[in-house]
Amino acid sequence: FVGVYRDGGYIVTLSKSKSETKAKFVDLRLNNWISRGTRAAFIDFSLYNANVNLFCIIRSNFRIRTSNFHVKTKRKKLKIKLQQRMPAPNRTLRFC
């Protein structure tokens, strides 16, 4: 999305517990967290799969149009292998 949004907004940290996260979403909905003044919402999260040593970083953008409260979504996925094995045994290259 191309757009400029004014400063401000809220950050909500979600729990690892499904029931706690669901309760937080219910609370946000009951308190009108997304209203007619909301223009966009972003959800960022990352996952790590230890079996294949792979991080997956995901950003979901939700752009809300004012005319008909229409929501347009866009997702980006980035997969990163952070630890590469070196040819010599017991050597690991790490980067961020």
C-alpha atoms as a PDB file:
ATOM      1  CA  PHE A   1       0.000   0.000   0.000  1.00  0.00           C
ATOM      2  CA  VAL A   2       1.143   3.486  -0.700  1.00  0.00           C
ATOM      3  CA  GLY A   3      -0.047   5.927   1.887  1.00  0.00           C
ATOM      4  CA  VAL A   4       0.978   8.236   4.660  1.00  0.00           C
ATOM      5  CA  TYR A   5      -0.600   7.900   8.067  1.00  0.00           C
ATOM      6  CA  ARG A   6      -0.323  10.385  10.911  1.00  0.00           C
ATOM      7  CA  ASP A   7       1.525   9.467  14.074  1.00  0.00           C
ATOM      8  CA  GLY A   8      -0.437   7.717  16.733  1.00  0.00           C
ATOM      9  CA  GLY A   9      -2.118   4.438  17.227  1.00  0.00           C
ATOM     10  CA  TYR A  10      -1.887   1.476  19.530  1.00  0.00           C
ATOM     11  CA  ILE A  11       0.276  -1.568  19.972  1.00  0.00           C
ATOM     12  CA  VAL A  12      -1.247  -4.766  21.284  1.00  0.00           C
ATOM     13  CA  THR A  13       0.987  -7.650  22.296  1.00  0.00           C
ATOM     14  CA  LEU A  14      -0.707 -11.004  21.875  1.00  0.00           C
ATOM     15  CA  SER A  15      -0.218 -13.974  24.166  1.00  0.00           C
ATOM     16  CA  LYS A  16       1.024 -17.442  23.285  1.00  0.00           C
ATOM     17  CA  SER A  17      -2.190 -18.757  24.826  1.00  0.00           C
ATOM     18  CA  LYS A  18      -5.071 -19.097  22.355  1.00  0.00           C
ATOM     19  CA  SER A  19      -7.715 -18.306  24.990  1.00  0.00           C
ATOM     20  CA  GLU A  20      -5.888 -15.170  26.220  1.00  0.00           C
ATOM     21  CA  THR A  21      -5.394 -13.927  22.650  1.00  0.00           C
ATOM     22  CA  LYS A  22      -9.046 -14.553  21.815  1.00  0.00           C
ATOM     23  CA  ALA A  23     -10.102 -12.659  24.966  1.00  0.00           C
ATOM     24  CA  LYS A  24      -7.874  -9.745  23.959  1.00  0.00           C
ATOM     25  CA  PHE A  25      -9.488  -9.581  20.491  1.00  0.00           C
ATOM     26  CA  VAL A  26     -12.954  -9.655  22.095  1.00  0.00           C
ATOM     27  CA  ASP A  27     -11.917  -6.804  24.414  1.00  0.00           C
ATOM     28  CA  LEU A  28     -10.589  -4.775  21.464  1.00  0.00           C
ATOM     29  CA  ARG A  29     -13.833  -5.294  19.570  1.00  0.00           C
ATOM     30  CA  LEU A  30     -16.036  -4.354  22.530  1.00  0.00           C
ATOM     31  CA  ASN A  31     -14.027  -1.158  23.077  1.00  0.00           C
ATOM     32  CA  ASN A  32     -14.326  -0.082  19.407  1.00  0.00           C
ATOM     33  CA  TRP A  33     -10.608  -0.417  18.733  1.00  0.00           C
ATOM     34  CA  ILE A  34     -11.353  -0.264  15.012  1.00  0.00           C
ATOM     35  CA  SER A  35     -13.767   2.581  14.334  1.00  0.00           C
ATOM     36  CA  ARG A  36     -14.774   4.824  11.437  1.00  0.00           C
ATOM     37  CA  GLY A  37     -11.624   6.868  12.117  1.00  0.00           C
ATOM     38  CA  THR A  38      -9.332   3.866  11.571  1.00  0.00           C
ATOM     39  CA  ARG A  39      -7.473   3.936   8.247  1.00  0.00           C
ATOM     40  CA  ALA A  40      -5.098   0.984   8.546  1.00  0.00           C
ATOM     41  CA  ALA A  41      -4.095  -1.869  10.815  1.00  0.00           C
ATOM     42  CA  PHE A  42      -0.843  -3.848  10.693  1.00  0.00           C
ATOM     43  CA  ILE A  43      -0.192  -7.268  12.170  1.00  0.00           C
ATOM     44  CA  ASP A  44       3.442  -8.379  12.410  1.00  0.00           C
ATOM     45  CA  PHE A  45       4.637 -11.709  13.739  1.00  0.00           C
ATOM     46  CA  SER A  46       7.491 -14.146  13.346  1.00  0.00           C
ATOM     47  CA  LEU A  47       7.730 -17.906  13.612  1.00  0.00           C
ATOM     48  CA  TYR A  48      10.755 -20.132  14.110  1.00  0.00           C
ATOM     49  CA  ASN A  49      10.899 -23.751  12.952  1.00  0.00           C
ATOM     50  CA  ALA A  50      13.773 -25.441  14.779  1.00  0.00           C
ATOM     51  CA  ASN A  51      13.525 -28.584  12.612  1.00  0.00           C
ATOM     52  CA  VAL A  52      14.712 -26.703   9.527  1.00  0.00           C
ATOM     53  CA  ASN A  53      16.354 -23.716  11.302  1.00  0.00           C
ATOM     54  CA  LEU A  54      14.103 -21.224   9.536  1.00  0.00           C
ATOM     55  CA  PHE A  55      12.528 -17.940  10.622  1.00  0.00           C
ATOM     56  CA  CYS A  56       9.395 -16.733   8.854  1.00  0.00           C
ATOM     57  CA  ILE A  57       8.482 -13.062   9.289  1.00  0.00           C
ATOM     58  CA  ILE A  58       4.971 -12.076   8.240  1.00  0.00           C
ATOM     59  CA  ARG A  59       3.335  -8.632   7.976  1.00  0.00           C
ATOM     60  CA  SER A  60      -0.351  -8.294   7.182  1.00  0.00           C
ATOM     61  CA  ASN A  61      -1.662  -4.851   6.234  1.00  0.00           C
ATOM     62  CA  PHE A  62      -5.332  -3.989   6.431  1.00  0.00           C
ATOM     63  CA  ARG A  63      -6.291  -0.720   4.733  1.00  0.00           C
ATOM     64  CA  ILE A  64      -9.760   0.529   5.589  1.00  0.00           C
ATOM     65  CA  ARG A  65     -11.563   2.843   3.161  1.00  0.00           C
ATOM     66  CA  THR A  66     -13.743   5.538   4.650  1.00  0.00           C
ATOM     67  CA  SER A  67     -16.492   5.505   2.032  1.00  0.00           C
ATOM     68  CA  ASN A  68     -17.953   2.060   2.651  1.00  0.00           C
ATOM     69  CA  PHE A  69     -15.801   0.639   5.474  1.00  0.00           C
ATOM     70  CA  HIS A  70     -14.211  -1.712   2.912  1.00  0.00           C
ATOM     71  CA  VAL A  71     -11.105  -3.594   4.060  1.00  0.00           C
ATOM     72  CA  LYS A  72      -8.272  -4.325   1.605  1.00  0.00           C
ATOM     73  CA  THR A  73      -5.554  -6.719   2.722  1.00  0.00           C
ATOM     74  CA  LYS A  74      -1.979  -7.341   1.658  1.00  0.00           C
ATOM     75  CA  ARG A  75       0.566  -9.796   3.067  1.00  0.00           C
ATOM     76  CA  LYS A  76       4.331 -10.047   2.843  1.00  0.00           C
ATOM     77  CA  LYS A  77       6.292 -13.137   3.825  1.00  0.00           C
ATOM     78  CA  LEU A  78      10.023 -13.269   4.368  1.00  0.00           C
ATOM     79  CA  LYS A  79      11.817 -16.538   5.082  1.00  0.00           C
ATOM     80  CA  ILE A  80      15.305 -16.324   6.561  1.00  0.00           C
ATOM     81  CA  LYS A  81      17.764 -19.039   7.485  1.00  0.00           C
ATOM     82  CA  LEU A  82      19.859 -17.279  10.132  1.00  0.00           C
ATOM     83  CA  GLN A  83      22.434 -19.948  10.849  1.00  0.00           C
ATOM     84  CA  GLN A  84      24.507 -21.196   7.935  1.00  0.00           C
ATOM     85  CA  ARG A  85      26.872 -24.116   8.438  1.00  0.00           C
ATOM     86  CA  MET A  86      30.505 -23.532   7.550  1.00  0.00           C
ATOM     87  CA  PRO A  87      32.567 -26.284   5.846  1.00  0.00           C
ATOM     88  CA  ALA A  88      34.673 -26.901   8.965  1.00  0.00           C
ATOM     89  CA  PRO A  89      32.955 -28.956  11.670  1.00  0.00           C
ATOM     90  CA  ASN A  90      31.476 -27.153  14.689  1.00  0.00           C
ATOM     91  CA  ARG A  91      31.650 -23.694  13.070  1.00  0.00           C
ATOM     92  CA  THR A  92      28.531 -21.643  12.620  1.00  0.00           C
ATOM     93  CA  LEU A  93      28.028 -18.274  10.955  1.00  0.00           C
ATOM     94  CA  ARG A  94      25.352 -16.169  12.649  1.00  0.00           C
ATOM     95  CA  PHE A  95      23.986 -12.862  11.442  1.00  0.00           C
ATOM     96  CA  CYS A  96      21.068 -10.504  12.079  1.00  0.00           C
END
